[in-house]
Amino acid sequence: MKKLVACCGLDCVTCDARVATITNDTELRIKTAEKWRELFNSPDISPEMINCTGCMEPGVKFGHCLECEIRNCVMEKGFDTCADCDILATCAIVGSIHQYVPEAIENLKSLN
């Protein structure tokens, strides 16, 4: 399966928000909103907010993507992803994702 690697290394192809957007799946939006409200302790996440084509892809973005510190850093530096950065291995910003989703760092390493 082809991957669509986000700035941080997450695979957007497997992201429920992207899948729900691409397939216009209302039930998946509802389930994702429920899951993310609990997971991120964010009671304001609604099914209507679950729309995203991928953080660096054209199209709609999930609200957090627009304020994501990792995405903003990548864009400010003119990189495609964190894989282009010399401090990837020691970066505290992206490290916050990699400690919980170790496959994200592997996705980034596979780009080089």
PDB file of N, CA and C in Angstrom:
ATOM      1  N   MET A   1       0.835  -1.177   0.000  1.00  0.00           N
ATOM      2  CA  MET A   1       0.000   0.000   0.000  1.00  0.00           C
ATOM      3  C   MET A   1       0.884   1.246   0.000  1.00  0.00           C
ATOM      4  N   LYS A   2       0.540   2.191  -0.824  1.00  0.00           N
ATOM      5  CA  LYS A   2       1.280   3.442  -0.915  1.00  0.00           C
ATOM      6  C   LYS A   2       1.045   4.277   0.334  1.00  0.00           C
ATOM      7  N   LYS A   3       2.082   4.991   0.753  1.00  0.00           N
ATOM      8  CA  LYS A   3       1.975   5.865   1.916  1.00  0.00           C
ATOM      9  C   LYS A   3       1.914   7.311   1.457  1.00  0.00           C
ATOM     10  N   LEU A   4       1.282   8.121   2.278  1.00  0.00           N
ATOM     11  CA  LEU A   4       1.245   9.566   2.090  1.00  0.00           C
ATOM     12  C   LEU A   4       1.752  10.136   3.415  1.00  0.00           C
ATOM     13  N   VAL A   5       3.063  10.383   3.459  1.00  0.00           N
ATOM     14  CA  VAL A   5       3.718  10.735   4.709  1.00  0.00           C
ATOM     15  C   VAL A   5       3.527  12.213   5.034  1.00  0.00           C
ATOM     16  N   ALA A   6       2.974  12.453   6.210  1.00  0.00           N
ATOM     17  CA  ALA A   6       2.777  13.813   6.721  1.00  0.00           C
ATOM     18  C   ALA A   6       4.118  14.392   7.159  1.00  0.00           C
ATOM     19  N   CYS A   7       4.125  15.653   7.469  1.00  0.00           N
ATOM     20  CA  CYS A   7       5.344  16.342   7.927  1.00  0.00           C
ATOM     21  C   CYS A   7       6.039  15.574   9.043  1.00  0.00           C
ATOM     22  N   CYS A   8       5.271  15.073   9.985  1.00  0.00           N
ATOM     23  CA  CYS A   8       5.796  14.404  11.171  1.00  0.00           C
ATOM     24  C   CYS A   8       6.112  12.937  10.947  1.00  0.00           C
ATOM     25  N   GLY A   9       5.638  12.383   9.846  1.00  0.00           N
ATOM     26  CA  GLY A   9       5.874  10.976   9.561  1.00  0.00           C
ATOM     27  C   GLY A   9       4.639  10.109   9.668  1.00  0.00           C
ATOM     28  N   LEU A  10       3.545  10.651  10.186  1.00  0.00           N
ATOM     29  CA  LEU A  10       2.310   9.870  10.211  1.00  0.00           C
ATOM     30  C   LEU A  10       1.893   9.557   8.778  1.00  0.00           C
ATOM     31  N   ASP A  11       1.242   8.430   8.600  1.00  0.00           N
ATOM     32  CA  ASP A  11       0.786   8.026   7.269  1.00  0.00           C
ATOM     33  C   ASP A  11      -0.647   8.488   7.061  1.00  0.00           C
ATOM     34  N   CYS A  12      -0.825   9.533   6.270  1.00  0.00           N
ATOM     35  CA  CYS A  12      -2.157  10.098   6.031  1.00  0.00           C
ATOM     36  C   CYS A  12      -3.088   9.114   5.334  1.00  0.00           C
ATOM     37  N   VAL A  13      -2.546   8.164   4.589  1.00  0.00           N
ATOM     38  CA  VAL A  13      -3.389   7.196   3.882  1.00  0.00           C
ATOM     39  C   VAL A  13      -4.242   6.401   4.868  1.00  0.00           C
ATOM     40  N   THR A  14      -3.696   6.133   6.050  1.00  0.00           N
ATOM     41  CA  THR A  14      -4.425   5.336   7.033  1.00  0.00           C
ATOM     42  C   THR A  14      -5.171   6.178   8.062  1.00  0.00           C
ATOM     43  N   CYS A  15      -5.113   7.498   7.944  1.00  0.00           N
ATOM     44  CA  CYS A  15      -5.778   8.391   8.891  1.00  0.00           C
ATOM     45  C   CYS A  15      -7.289   8.371   8.660  1.00  0.00           C
ATOM     46  N   ASP A  16      -8.028   8.147   9.732  1.00  0.00           N
ATOM     47  CA  ASP A  16      -9.480   8.077   9.619  1.00  0.00           C
ATOM     48  C   ASP A  16     -10.098   9.375   9.095  1.00  0.00           C
ATOM     49  N   ALA A  17      -9.522  10.510   9.440  1.00  0.00           N
ATOM     50  CA  ALA A  17     -10.069  11.779   8.939  1.00  0.00           C
ATOM     51  C   ALA A  17      -9.922  11.864   7.427  1.00  0.00           C
ATOM     52  N   ARG A  18      -8.768  11.462   6.920  1.00  0.00           N
ATOM     53  CA  ARG A  18      -8.560  11.505   5.466  1.00  0.00           C
ATOM     54  C   ARG A  18      -9.460  10.486   4.763  1.00  0.00           C
ATOM     55  N   VAL A  19      -9.533   9.282   5.312  1.00  0.00           N
ATOM     56  CA  VAL A  19     -10.379   8.249   4.706  1.00  0.00           C
ATOM     57  C   VAL A  19     -11.833   8.719   4.677  1.00  0.00           C
ATOM     58  N   ALA A  20     -12.315   9.289   5.774  1.00  0.00           N
ATOM     59  CA  ALA A  20     -13.698   9.783   5.829  1.00  0.00           C
ATOM     60  C   ALA A  20     -13.925  10.897   4.817  1.00  0.00           C
ATOM     61  N   THR A  21     -12.914  11.741   4.632  1.00  0.00           N
ATOM     62  CA  THR A  21     -13.034  12.848   3.677  1.00  0.00           C
ATOM     63  C   THR A  21     -13.070  12.325   2.249  1.00  0.00           C
ATOM     64  N   ILE A  22     -12.122  11.469   1.916  1.00  0.00           N
ATOM     65  CA  ILE A  22     -12.000  10.951   0.555  1.00  0.00           C
ATOM     66  C   ILE A  22     -13.229  10.124   0.158  1.00  0.00           C
ATOM     67  N   THR A  23     -13.762   9.363   1.124  1.00  0.00           N
ATOM     68  CA  THR A  23     -14.900   8.488   0.825  1.00  0.00           C
ATOM     69  C   THR A  23     -16.246   9.102   1.205  1.00  0.00           C
ATOM     70  N   ASN A  24     -16.208  10.316   1.788  1.00  0.00           N
ATOM     71  CA  ASN A  24     -17.415  10.994   2.261  1.00  0.00           C
ATOM     72  C   ASN A  24     -18.245  10.079   3.166  1.00  0.00           C
ATOM     73  N   ASP A  25     -17.569   9.501   4.163  1.00  0.00           N
ATOM     74  CA  ASP A  25     -18.148   8.508   5.060  1.00  0.00           C
ATOM     75  C   ASP A  25     -18.593   9.172   6.365  1.00  0.00           C
ATOM     76  N   THR A  26     -19.881   9.428   6.479  1.00  0.00           N
ATOM     77  CA  THR A  26     -20.439  10.097   7.651  1.00  0.00           C
ATOM     78  C   THR A  26     -20.257   9.277   8.921  1.00  0.00           C
ATOM     79  N   GLU A  27     -20.466   7.975   8.840  1.00  0.00           N
ATOM     80  CA  GLU A  27     -20.313   7.109  10.016  1.00  0.00           C
ATOM     81  C   GLU A  27     -18.872   7.124  10.522  1.00  0.00           C
ATOM     82  N   LEU A  28     -17.904   7.106   9.613  1.00  0.00           N
ATOM     83  CA  LEU A  28     -16.500   7.155  10.035  1.00  0.00           C
ATOM     84  C   LEU A  28     -16.177   8.506  10.669  1.00  0.00           C
ATOM     85  N   ARG A  29     -16.770   9.572  10.163  1.00  0.00           N
ATOM     86  CA  ARG A  29     -16.585  10.892  10.786  1.00  0.00           C
ATOM     87  C   ARG A  29     -17.091  10.885  12.229  1.00  0.00           C
ATOM     88  N   ILE A  30     -18.260  10.296  12.435  1.00  0.00           N
ATOM     89  CA  ILE A  30     -18.852  10.223  13.776  1.00  0.00           C
ATOM     90  C   ILE A  30     -17.952   9.414  14.701  1.00  0.00           C
ATOM     91  N   LYS A  31     -17.530   8.237  14.256  1.00  0.00           N
ATOM     92  CA  LYS A  31     -16.660   7.373  15.075  1.00  0.00           C
ATOM     93  C   LYS A  31     -15.322   8.043  15.360  1.00  0.00           C
ATOM     94  N   THR A  32     -14.761   8.717  14.373  1.00  0.00           N
ATOM     95  CA  THR A  32     -13.471   9.388  14.543  1.00  0.00           C
ATOM     96  C   THR A  32     -13.594  10.541  15.527  1.00  0.00           C
ATOM     97  N   ALA A  33     -14.642  11.317  15.414  1.00  0.00           N
ATOM     98  CA  ALA A  33     -14.858  12.426  16.350  1.00  0.00           C
ATOM     99  C   ALA A  33     -14.977  11.900  17.779  1.00  0.00           C
ATOM    100  N   GLU A  34     -15.722  10.825  17.959  1.00  0.00           N
ATOM    101  CA  GLU A  34     -15.871  10.227  19.293  1.00  0.00           C
ATOM    102  C   GLU A  34     -14.512   9.777  19.832  1.00  0.00           C
ATOM    103  N   LYS A  35     -13.773   9.073  18.977  1.00  0.00           N
ATOM    104  CA  LYS A  35     -12.468   8.556  19.389  1.00  0.00           C
ATOM    105  C   LYS A  35     -11.506   9.693  19.710  1.00  0.00           C
ATOM    106  N   TRP A  36     -11.443  10.704  18.876  1.00  0.00           N
ATOM    107  CA  TRP A  36     -10.499  11.811  19.063  1.00  0.00           C
ATOM    108  C   TRP A  36     -10.881  12.691  20.247  1.00  0.00           C
ATOM    109  N   ARG A  37     -12.190  12.838  20.528  1.00  0.00           N
ATOM    110  CA  ARG A  37     -12.602  13.607  21.712  1.00  0.00           C
ATOM    111  C   ARG A  37     -11.994  12.999  22.966  1.00  0.00           C
ATOM    112  N   GLU A  38     -12.068  11.671  23.057  1.00  0.00           N
ATOM    113  CA  GLU A  38     -11.517  10.977  24.221  1.00  0.00           C
ATOM    114  C   GLU A  38      -9.992  10.949  24.184  1.00  0.00           C
ATOM    115  N   LEU A  39      -9.430  10.567  23.061  1.00  0.00           N
ATOM    116  CA  LEU A  39      -7.980  10.419  22.924  1.00  0.00           C
ATOM    117  C   LEU A  39      -7.239  11.720  23.192  1.00  0.00           C
ATOM    118  N   PHE A  40      -7.760  12.825  22.684  1.00  0.00           N
ATOM    119  CA  PHE A  40      -7.087  14.121  22.804  1.00  0.00           C
ATOM    120  C   PHE A  40      -7.707  15.016  23.882  1.00  0.00           C
ATOM    121  N   ASN A  41      -8.644  14.436  24.667  1.00  0.00           N
ATOM    122  CA  ASN A  41      -9.316  15.192  25.725  1.00  0.00           C
ATOM    123  C   ASN A  41      -9.814  16.532  25.185  1.00  0.00           C
ATOM    124  N   SER A  42     -10.536  16.432  24.084  1.00  0.00           N
ATOM    125  CA  SER A  42     -11.011  17.621  23.384  1.00  0.00           C
ATOM    126  C   SER A  42     -12.508  17.461  23.072  1.00  0.00           C
ATOM    127  N   PRO A  43     -13.359  17.831  24.015  1.00  0.00           N
ATOM    128  CA  PRO A  43     -14.794  17.606  23.844  1.00  0.00           C
ATOM    129  C   PRO A  43     -15.437  18.386  22.703  1.00  0.00           C
ATOM    130  N   ASP A  44     -14.724  19.352  22.132  1.00  0.00           N
ATOM    131  CA  ASP A  44     -15.298  20.175  21.069  1.00  0.00           C
ATOM    132  C   ASP A  44     -15.184  19.563  19.671  1.00  0.00           C
ATOM    133  N   ILE A  45     -14.502  18.434  19.535  1.00  0.00           N
ATOM    134  CA  ILE A  45     -14.353  17.821  18.206  1.00  0.00           C
ATOM    135  C   ILE A  45     -15.699  17.233  17.778  1.00  0.00           C
ATOM    136  N   SER A  46     -16.183  17.699  16.646  1.00  0.00           N
ATOM    137  CA  SER A  46     -17.470  17.225  16.120  1.00  0.00           C
ATOM    138  C   SER A  46     -17.241  16.465  14.812  1.00  0.00           C
ATOM    139  N   PRO A  47     -18.205  15.653  14.409  1.00  0.00           N
ATOM    140  CA  PRO A  47     -18.078  14.946  13.133  1.00  0.00           C
ATOM    141  C   PRO A  47     -17.877  15.896  11.953  1.00  0.00           C
ATOM    142  N   GLU A  48     -18.474  17.083  12.025  1.00  0.00           N
ATOM    143  CA  GLU A  48     -18.336  18.057  10.942  1.00  0.00           C
ATOM    144  C   GLU A  48     -16.901  18.561  10.794  1.00  0.00           C
ATOM    145  N   MET A  49     -16.119  18.435  11.847  1.00  0.00           N
ATOM    146  CA  MET A  49     -14.723  18.875  11.817  1.00  0.00           C
ATOM    147  C   MET A  49     -13.801  17.823  11.194  1.00  0.00           C
ATOM    148  N   ILE A  50     -14.290  16.613  11.032  1.00  0.00           N
ATOM    149  CA  ILE A  50     -13.459  15.519  10.533  1.00  0.00           C
ATOM    150  C   ILE A  50     -13.420  15.582   9.007  1.00  0.00           C
ATOM    151  N   ASN A  51     -12.565  16.447   8.520  1.00  0.00           N
ATOM    152  CA  ASN A  51     -12.344  16.642   7.090  1.00  0.00           C
ATOM    153  C   ASN A  51     -10.878  16.981   6.881  1.00  0.00           C
ATOM    154  N   CYS A  52     -10.174  16.194   6.092  1.00  0.00           N
ATOM    155  CA  CYS A  52      -8.763  16.458   5.835  1.00  0.00           C
ATOM    156  C   CYS A  52      -8.306  15.624   4.638  1.00  0.00           C
ATOM    157  N   THR A  53      -7.501  16.230   3.792  1.00  0.00           N
ATOM    158  CA  THR A  53      -6.944  15.499   2.647  1.00  0.00           C
ATOM    159  C   THR A  53      -5.479  15.117   2.874  1.00  0.00           C
ATOM    160  N   GLY A  54      -4.922  15.536   4.006  1.00  0.00           N
ATOM    161  CA  GLY A  54      -3.511  15.295   4.314  1.00  0.00           C
ATOM    162  C   GLY A  54      -2.839  16.628   4.555  1.00  0.00           C
ATOM    163  N   CYS A  55      -1.926  16.682   5.512  1.00  0.00           N
ATOM    164  CA  CYS A  55      -1.414  17.981   5.962  1.00  0.00           C
ATOM    165  C   CYS A  55      -0.667  18.761   4.896  1.00  0.00           C
ATOM    166  N   MET A  56      -0.072  18.098   3.930  1.00  0.00           N
ATOM    167  CA  MET A  56       0.670  18.814   2.894  1.00  0.00           C
ATOM    168  C   MET A  56       0.034  18.646   1.516  1.00  0.00           C
ATOM    169  N   GLU A  57      -1.133  18.051   1.475  1.00  0.00           N
ATOM    170  CA  GLU A  57      -1.853  17.851   0.224  1.00  0.00           C
ATOM    171  C   GLU A  57      -2.813  19.017  -0.008  1.00  0.00           C
ATOM    172  N   PRO A  58      -3.127  19.307  -1.272  1.00  0.00           N
ATOM    173  CA  PRO A  58      -4.143  20.330  -1.534  1.00  0.00           C
ATOM    174  C   PRO A  58      -5.487  19.886  -0.957  1.00  0.00           C
ATOM    175  N   GLY A  59      -6.275  20.840  -0.575  1.00  0.00           N
ATOM    176  CA  GLY A  59      -7.614  20.521  -0.087  1.00  0.00           C
ATOM    177  C   GLY A  59      -7.801  20.887   1.366  1.00  0.00           C
ATOM    178  N   VAL A  60      -8.912  20.466   1.900  1.00  0.00           N
ATOM    179  CA  VAL A  60      -9.332  20.799   3.250  1.00  0.00           C
ATOM    180  C   VAL A  60      -8.392  20.178   4.284  1.00  0.00           C
ATOM    181  N   LYS A  61      -8.252  20.866   5.422  1.00  0.00           N
ATOM    182  CA  LYS A  61      -7.416  20.400   6.520  1.00  0.00           C
ATOM    183  C   LYS A  61      -8.236  20.302   7.794  1.00  0.00           C
ATOM    184  N   PHE A  62      -7.907  19.323   8.616  1.00  0.00           N
ATOM    185  CA  PHE A  62      -8.462  19.257   9.963  1.00  0.00           C
ATOM    186  C   PHE A  62      -7.964  20.492  10.705  1.00  0.00           C
ATOM    187  N   GLY A  63      -8.784  21.099  11.522  1.00  0.00           N
ATOM    188  CA  GLY A  63      -8.441  22.351  12.190  1.00  0.00           C
ATOM    189  C   GLY A  63      -7.063  22.367  12.834  1.00  0.00           C
ATOM    190  N   HIS A  64      -6.672  21.281  13.477  1.00  0.00           N
ATOM    191  CA  HIS A  64      -5.367  21.242  14.144  1.00  0.00           C
ATOM    192  C   HIS A  64      -4.217  21.387  13.154  1.00  0.00           C
ATOM    193  N   CYS A  65      -4.374  20.902  11.958  1.00  0.00           N
ATOM    194  CA  CYS A  65      -3.295  20.961  10.958  1.00  0.00           C
ATOM    195  C   CYS A  65      -2.844  22.397  10.704  1.00  0.00           C
ATOM    196  N   LEU A  66      -3.774  23.318  10.728  1.00  0.00           N
ATOM    197  CA  LEU A  66      -3.449  24.712  10.443  1.00  0.00           C
ATOM    198  C   LEU A  66      -2.621  25.357  11.543  1.00  0.00           C
ATOM    199  N   GLU A  67      -2.710  24.821  12.748  1.00  0.00           N
ATOM    200  CA  GLU A  67      -1.944  25.367  13.864  1.00  0.00           C
ATOM    201  C   GLU A  67      -0.858  24.410  14.345  1.00  0.00           C
ATOM    202  N   CYS A  68      -0.669  23.304  13.664  1.00  0.00           N
ATOM    203  CA  CYS A  68       0.303  22.282  14.069  1.00  0.00           C
ATOM    204  C   CYS A  68       1.725  22.858  14.055  1.00  0.00           C
ATOM    205  N   GLU A  69       2.391  22.790  15.192  1.00  0.00           N
ATOM    206  CA  GLU A  69       3.748  23.319  15.325  1.00  0.00           C
ATOM    207  C   GLU A  69       4.725  22.608  14.391  1.00  0.00           C
ATOM    208  N   ILE A  70       4.531  21.317  14.205  1.00  0.00           N
ATOM    209  CA  ILE A  70       5.410  20.538  13.324  1.00  0.00           C
ATOM    210  C   ILE A  70       5.227  20.981  11.876  1.00  0.00           C
ATOM    211  N   ARG A  71       3.997  21.028  11.430  1.00  0.00           N
ATOM    212  CA  ARG A  71       3.693  21.442  10.052  1.00  0.00           C
ATOM    213  C   ARG A  71       4.185  22.864   9.794  1.00  0.00           C
ATOM    214  N   ASN A  72       3.945  23.757  10.744  1.00  0.00           N
ATOM    215  CA  ASN A  72       4.381  25.139  10.576  1.00  0.00           C
ATOM    216  C   ASN A  72       5.898  25.244  10.491  1.00  0.00           C
ATOM    217  N   CYS A  73       6.614  24.456  11.289  1.00  0.00           N
ATOM    218  CA  CYS A  73       8.075  24.454  11.241  1.00  0.00           C
ATOM    219  C   CYS A  73       8.573  23.968   9.885  1.00  0.00           C
ATOM    220  N   VAL A  74       8.010  22.875   9.394  1.00  0.00           N
ATOM    221  CA  VAL A  74       8.384  22.331   8.086  1.00  0.00           C
ATOM    222  C   VAL A  74       8.149  23.369   6.993  1.00  0.00           C
ATOM    223  N   MET A  75       7.007  24.017   7.036  1.00  0.00           N
ATOM    224  CA  MET A  75       6.682  25.009   6.006  1.00  0.00           C
ATOM    225  C   MET A  75       7.606  26.229   6.097  1.00  0.00           C
ATOM    226  N   GLU A  76       7.898  26.681   7.316  1.00  0.00           N
ATOM    227  CA  GLU A  76       8.795  27.828   7.492  1.00  0.00           C
ATOM    228  C   GLU A  76      10.193  27.541   6.950  1.00  0.00           C
ATOM    229  N   LYS A  77      10.640  26.300   7.113  1.00  0.00           N
ATOM    230  CA  LYS A  77      11.986  25.921   6.660  1.00  0.00           C
ATOM    231  C   LYS A  77      12.009  25.549   5.182  1.00  0.00           C
ATOM    232  N   GLY A  78      10.844  25.449   4.559  1.00  0.00           N
ATOM    233  CA  GLY A  78      10.769  25.102   3.146  1.00  0.00           C
ATOM    234  C   GLY A  78      11.017  23.629   2.873  1.00  0.00           C
ATOM    235  N   PHE A  79      10.785  22.784   3.874  1.00  0.00           N
ATOM    236  CA  PHE A  79      10.992  21.343   3.729  1.00  0.00           C
ATOM    237  C   PHE A  79       9.715  20.668   3.235  1.00  0.00           C
ATOM    238  N   ASP A  80       9.872  19.427   2.781  1.00  0.00           N
ATOM    239  CA  ASP A  80       8.705  18.605   2.460  1.00  0.00           C
ATOM    240  C   ASP A  80       8.172  17.928   3.722  1.00  0.00           C
ATOM    241  N   THR A  81       9.088  17.408   4.534  1.00  0.00           N
ATOM    242  CA  THR A  81       8.755  16.744   5.797  1.00  0.00           C
ATOM    243  C   THR A  81       9.903  16.974   6.773  1.00  0.00           C
ATOM    244  N   CYS A  82       9.754  16.482   7.969  1.00  0.00           N
ATOM    245  CA  CYS A  82      10.824  16.557   8.963  1.00  0.00           C
ATOM    246  C   CYS A  82      12.038  15.725   8.545  1.00  0.00           C
ATOM    247  N   ALA A  83      11.873  14.818   7.604  1.00  0.00           N
ATOM    248  CA  ALA A  83      12.998  14.005   7.122  1.00  0.00           C
ATOM    249  C   ALA A  83      14.086  14.868   6.503  1.00  0.00           C
ATOM    250  N   ASP A  84      13.731  16.062   6.041  1.00  0.00           N
ATOM    251  CA  ASP A  84      14.688  16.969   5.420  1.00  0.00           C
ATOM    252  C   ASP A  84      15.516  17.757   6.432  1.00  0.00           C
ATOM    253  N   CYS A  85      15.191  17.639   7.709  1.00  0.00           N
ATOM    254  CA  CYS A  85      15.816  18.454   8.753  1.00  0.00           C
ATOM    255  C   CYS A  85      16.992  17.727   9.407  1.00  0.00           C
ATOM    256  N   ASP A  86      18.074  18.458   9.629  1.00  0.00           N
ATOM    257  CA  ASP A  86      19.279  17.895  10.235  1.00  0.00           C
ATOM    258  C   ASP A  86      19.085  17.500  11.697  1.00  0.00           C
ATOM    259  N   ILE A  87      18.102  18.068  12.378  1.00  0.00           N
ATOM    260  CA  ILE A  87      17.931  17.751  13.796  1.00  0.00           C
ATOM    261  C   ILE A  87      16.764  16.791  14.066  1.00  0.00           C
ATOM    262  N   LEU A  88      16.336  16.057  13.064  1.00  0.00           N
ATOM    263  CA  LEU A  88      15.216  15.132  13.215  1.00  0.00           C
ATOM    264  C   LEU A  88      15.378  14.232  14.433  1.00  0.00           C
ATOM    265  N   ALA A  89      16.531  13.646  14.613  1.00  0.00           N
ATOM    266  CA  ALA A  89      16.744  12.663  15.683  1.00  0.00           C
ATOM    267  C   ALA A  89      16.635  13.265  17.078  1.00  0.00           C
ATOM    268  N   THR A  90      16.880  14.555  17.199  1.00  0.00           N
ATOM    269  CA  THR A  90      16.871  15.184  18.525  1.00  0.00           C
ATOM    270  C   THR A  90      15.780  16.233  18.697  1.00  0.00           C
ATOM    271  N   CYS A  91      14.957  16.412  17.717  1.00  0.00           N
ATOM    272  CA  CYS A  91      13.933  17.462  17.758  1.00  0.00           C
ATOM    273  C   CYS A  91      12.827  17.122  18.760  1.00  0.00           C
ATOM    274  N   ALA A  92      12.647  18.002  19.725  1.00  0.00           N
ATOM    275  CA  ALA A  92      11.607  17.798  20.734  1.00  0.00           C
ATOM    276  C   ALA A  92      10.213  17.993  20.159  1.00  0.00           C
ATOM    277  N   ILE A  93      10.092  18.839  19.147  1.00  0.00           N
ATOM    278  CA  ILE A  93       8.774  19.128  18.582  1.00  0.00           C
ATOM    279  C   ILE A  93       8.194  17.863  17.942  1.00  0.00           C
ATOM    280  N   VAL A  94       8.904  17.281  16.995  1.00  0.00           N
ATOM    281  CA  VAL A  94       8.393  16.076  16.330  1.00  0.00           C
ATOM    282  C   VAL A  94       8.553  14.842  17.220  1.00  0.00           C
ATOM    283  N   GLY A  95       9.480  14.907  18.143  1.00  0.00           N
ATOM    284  CA  GLY A  95       9.673  13.797  19.079  1.00  0.00           C
ATOM    285  C   GLY A  95       8.435  13.519  19.911  1.00  0.00           C
ATOM    286  N   SER A  96       7.625  14.539  20.117  1.00  0.00           N
ATOM    287  CA  SER A  96       6.395  14.355  20.887  1.00  0.00           C
ATOM    288  C   SER A  96       5.431  13.399  20.188  1.00  0.00           C
ATOM    289  N   ILE A  97       5.497  13.339  18.870  1.00  0.00           N
ATOM    290  CA  ILE A  97       4.684  12.382  18.100  1.00  0.00           C
ATOM    291  C   ILE A  97       5.356  11.009  18.101  1.00  0.00           C
ATOM    292  N   HIS A  98       6.644  10.998  17.866  1.00  0.00           N
ATOM    293  CA  HIS A  98       7.376   9.744  17.703  1.00  0.00           C
ATOM    294  C   HIS A  98       7.405   8.894  18.965  1.00  0.00           C
ATOM    295  N   GLN A  99       7.286   9.510  20.128  1.00  0.00           N
ATOM    296  CA  GLN A  99       7.268   8.715  21.350  1.00  0.00           C
ATOM    297  C   GLN A  99       5.992   7.880  21.459  1.00  0.00           C
ATOM    298  N   TYR A 100       4.920   8.329  20.832  1.00  0.00           N
ATOM    299  CA  TYR A 100       3.654   7.603  20.861  1.00  0.00           C
ATOM    300  C   TYR A 100       3.387   6.799  19.598  1.00  0.00           C
ATOM    301  N   VAL A 101       3.987   7.222  18.479  1.00  0.00           N
ATOM    302  CA  VAL A 101       3.783   6.548  17.195  1.00  0.00           C
ATOM    303  C   VAL A 101       5.157   6.315  16.558  1.00  0.00           C
ATOM    304  N   PRO A 102       5.883   5.300  17.037  1.00  0.00           N
ATOM    305  CA  PRO A 102       7.246   5.076  16.548  1.00  0.00           C
ATOM    306  C   PRO A 102       7.329   4.786  15.049  1.00  0.00           C
ATOM    307  N   GLU A 103       6.267   4.280  14.453  1.00  0.00           N
ATOM    308  CA  GLU A 103       6.320   4.027  13.011  1.00  0.00           C
ATOM    309  C   GLU A 103       6.426   5.327  12.212  1.00  0.00           C
ATOM    310  N   ALA A 104       6.057   6.445  12.820  1.00  0.00           N
ATOM    311  CA  ALA A 104       6.160   7.734  12.129  1.00  0.00           C
ATOM    312  C   ALA A 104       7.622   8.085  11.834  1.00  0.00           C
ATOM    313  N   ILE A 105       8.524   7.823  12.760  1.00  0.00           N
ATOM    314  CA  ILE A 105       9.943   8.114  12.512  1.00  0.00           C
ATOM    315  C   ILE A 105      10.482   7.165  11.447  1.00  0.00           C
ATOM    316  N   GLU A 106       9.996   5.952  11.442  1.00  0.00           N
ATOM    317  CA  GLU A 106      10.421   4.991  10.414  1.00  0.00           C
ATOM    318  C   GLU A 106       9.936   5.441   9.038  1.00  0.00           C
ATOM    319  N   ASN A 107       8.727   5.978   8.969  1.00  0.00           N
ATOM    320  CA  ASN A 107       8.219   6.509   7.700  1.00  0.00           C
ATOM    321  C   ASN A 107       9.113   7.637   7.194  1.00  0.00           C
ATOM    322  N   LEU A 108       9.543   8.523   8.097  1.00  0.00           N
ATOM    323  CA  LEU A 108      10.421   9.619   7.704  1.00  0.00           C
ATOM    324  C   LEU A 108      11.776   9.100   7.238  1.00  0.00           C
ATOM    325  N   LYS A 109      12.325   8.135   7.967  1.00  0.00           N
ATOM    326  CA  LYS A 109      13.636   7.574   7.588  1.00  0.00           C
ATOM    327  C   LYS A 109      13.570   6.906   6.232  1.00  0.00           C
ATOM    328  N   SER A 110      12.426   6.351   5.886  1.00  0.00           N
ATOM    329  CA  SER A 110      12.278   5.662   4.594  1.00  0.00           C
ATOM    330  C   SER A 110      12.271   6.633   3.417  1.00  0.00           C
ATOM    331  N   LEU A 111      12.087   7.923   3.686  1.00  0.00           N
ATOM    332  CA  LEU A 111      12.063   8.916   2.621  1.00  0.00           C
ATOM    333  C   LEU A 111      13.454   9.293   2.140  1.00  0.00           C
ATOM    334  N   ASN A 112      14.454   9.059   2.957  1.00  0.00           N
ATOM    335  CA  ASN A 112      15.838   9.421   2.592  1.00  0.00           C
ATOM    336  C   ASN A 112      16.571   8.292   1.908  1.00  0.00           C
TER     337      ASN A 112
END
